[in-house]
Amino acid sequence: MATAELAIVIPALVAVLALCLSGLGLAIDQIQTVDAARIAARAAARGEPVDAVRGLAEQAAPDGSEVTISRSDDRVRVTVTAPPRTRYLPALPRASASVEVLLEPAARMGSP
């Protein structure tokens, strides 16, 4: 009789454990994407070249992340999106962070 209950409970426990570990991985990716976007936005606000800003973001972000940099008149926005944690649970959200900052006065004027 106990064997039947174990046959149902053990797979359920494994599924819950896998979901919890995926959630923990998503939290770690979210922290890394926020840090990467913040670091890159600061560099962009100082007037660093776009390639350098992208490189800083890619170093701090999870592997395979997408980095988008957009600039308006006096602002720059950096968005970092991490790839999905697992292909087996595609419904889980992806980690993403976006930071928008004002350009420093020297960067607005085109100084290096």
Protein backbone atom coordinates (compact mmCIF):
# COMPACT_ATOMS: atom_id res chain seq x y z
CA MET A 1 0.00 0.00 0.00
CA ALA A 2 2.80 2.45 0.83
CA THR A 3 4.45 1.74 -2.52
CA ALA A 4 1.55 3.27 -4.42
CA GLU A 5 1.72 6.48 -2.40
CA LEU A 6 5.47 6.71 -2.88
CA ALA A 7 5.06 6.23 -6.62
CA ILE A 8 2.88 9.35 -6.68
CA VAL A 9 4.68 11.48 -4.08
CA ILE A 10 8.27 11.10 -5.27
CA PRO A 11 7.70 12.43 -8.82
CA ALA A 12 5.67 15.30 -7.38
CA LEU A 13 8.50 16.18 -5.00
CA VAL A 14 11.02 16.06 -7.84
CA ALA A 15 8.82 18.38 -9.93
CA VAL A 16 8.47 20.86 -7.04
CA LEU A 17 12.22 20.76 -6.43
CA ALA A 18 12.93 21.41 -10.13
CA LEU A 19 10.53 24.35 -10.13
CA CYS A 20 12.13 25.81 -6.98
CA LEU A 21 15.63 25.47 -8.43
CA SER A 22 14.49 27.14 -11.66
CA GLY A 23 13.02 29.99 -9.63
CA LEU A 24 16.29 30.38 -7.73
CA GLY A 25 18.19 30.45 -11.03
CA LEU A 26 15.80 33.10 -12.36
CA ALA A 27 16.43 35.23 -9.26
CA ILE A 28 20.20 34.98 -9.79
CA ASP A 29 19.80 35.93 -13.47
CA GLN A 30 17.63 38.91 -12.49
CA ILE A 31 20.29 40.21 -10.10
CA GLN A 32 22.96 39.81 -12.78
CA THR A 33 20.89 41.57 -15.45
CA VAL A 34 20.16 44.51 -13.11
CA ASP A 35 23.86 44.84 -12.30
CA ALA A 36 24.84 44.61 -15.97
CA ALA A 37 22.31 47.25 -17.04
CA ARG A 38 23.39 49.56 -14.22
CA ILE A 39 27.10 49.24 -15.00
CA ALA A 40 26.54 49.79 -18.72
CA ALA A 41 24.23 52.76 -18.16
CA ARG A 42 26.80 54.49 -15.98
CA ALA A 43 29.46 54.01 -18.64
CA ALA A 44 27.12 55.27 -21.35
CA ALA A 45 26.24 58.33 -19.28
CA ARG A 46 29.94 59.19 -19.09
CA GLY A 47 30.13 59.11 -22.89
CA GLU A 48 31.92 55.79 -23.37
CA PRO A 49 31.73 54.31 -26.90
CA VAL A 50 28.81 51.98 -27.60
CA ASP A 51 31.11 48.97 -28.12
CA ALA A 52 32.71 49.51 -24.70
CA VAL A 53 29.30 49.88 -23.05
CA ARG A 54 28.06 46.69 -24.72
CA GLY A 55 31.20 44.85 -23.63
CA LEU A 56 30.74 45.91 -20.01
CA ALA A 57 27.13 44.75 -20.05
CA GLU A 58 28.01 41.40 -21.62
CA GLN A 59 30.73 40.78 -19.03
CA ALA A 60 28.36 41.31 -16.10
CA ALA A 61 25.25 39.68 -17.63
CA PRO A 62 24.46 35.96 -17.77
CA ASP A 63 25.94 34.15 -20.77
CA GLY A 64 23.96 34.63 -23.98
CA SER A 65 22.16 37.78 -22.82
CA GLU A 66 20.86 40.36 -25.28
CA VAL A 67 22.02 43.95 -24.72
CA THR A 68 20.15 46.88 -26.26
CA ILE A 69 21.46 50.44 -26.04
CA SER A 70 19.35 53.38 -27.17
CA ARG A 71 20.10 57.06 -26.92
CA SER A 72 17.80 60.05 -27.12
CA ASP A 73 18.68 63.73 -26.81
CA ASP A 74 19.90 63.75 -23.22
CA ARG A 75 19.22 60.20 -22.04
CA VAL A 76 20.54 56.73 -22.65
CA ARG A 77 18.70 53.47 -21.95
CA VAL A 78 20.39 50.10 -21.54
CA THR A 79 18.26 46.94 -21.56
CA VAL A 80 19.68 43.52 -20.72
CA THR A 81 17.60 40.37 -21.28
CA ALA A 82 18.87 36.98 -20.18
CA PRO A 83 18.14 33.83 -22.17
CA PRO A 84 15.59 31.34 -20.78
CA ARG A 85 16.97 29.22 -17.94
CA THR A 86 15.70 25.95 -19.35
CA ARG A 87 14.08 24.79 -22.53
CA TYR A 88 11.89 22.34 -20.60
CA LEU A 89 9.89 25.07 -18.84
CA PRO A 90 9.31 27.72 -21.52
CA ALA A 91 6.47 29.32 -19.54
CA LEU A 92 8.90 30.67 -16.95
CA PRO A 93 9.68 34.36 -17.40
CA ARG A 94 13.06 35.60 -18.60
CA ALA A 95 15.18 37.89 -16.47
CA SER A 96 15.28 41.41 -17.87
CA ALA A 97 16.40 44.82 -16.63
CA SER A 98 16.31 48.28 -18.13
CA VAL A 99 18.08 51.38 -16.81
CA GLU A 100 17.67 54.90 -18.15
CA VAL A 101 20.04 57.69 -17.11
CA LEU A 102 20.75 61.28 -18.03
CA LEU A 103 23.90 61.91 -19.98
CA GLU A 104 26.57 63.83 -18.14
CA PRO A 105 27.17 67.37 -19.44
CA ALA A 106 30.50 66.45 -21.06
CA ALA A 107 28.86 63.51 -22.88
CA ARG A 108 26.04 65.73 -24.15
CA MET A 109 28.52 68.06 -25.74
CA GLY A 110 30.34 65.20 -27.49
CA SER A 111 33.51 65.27 -25.39
CA PRO A 112 35.35 61.97 -24.94
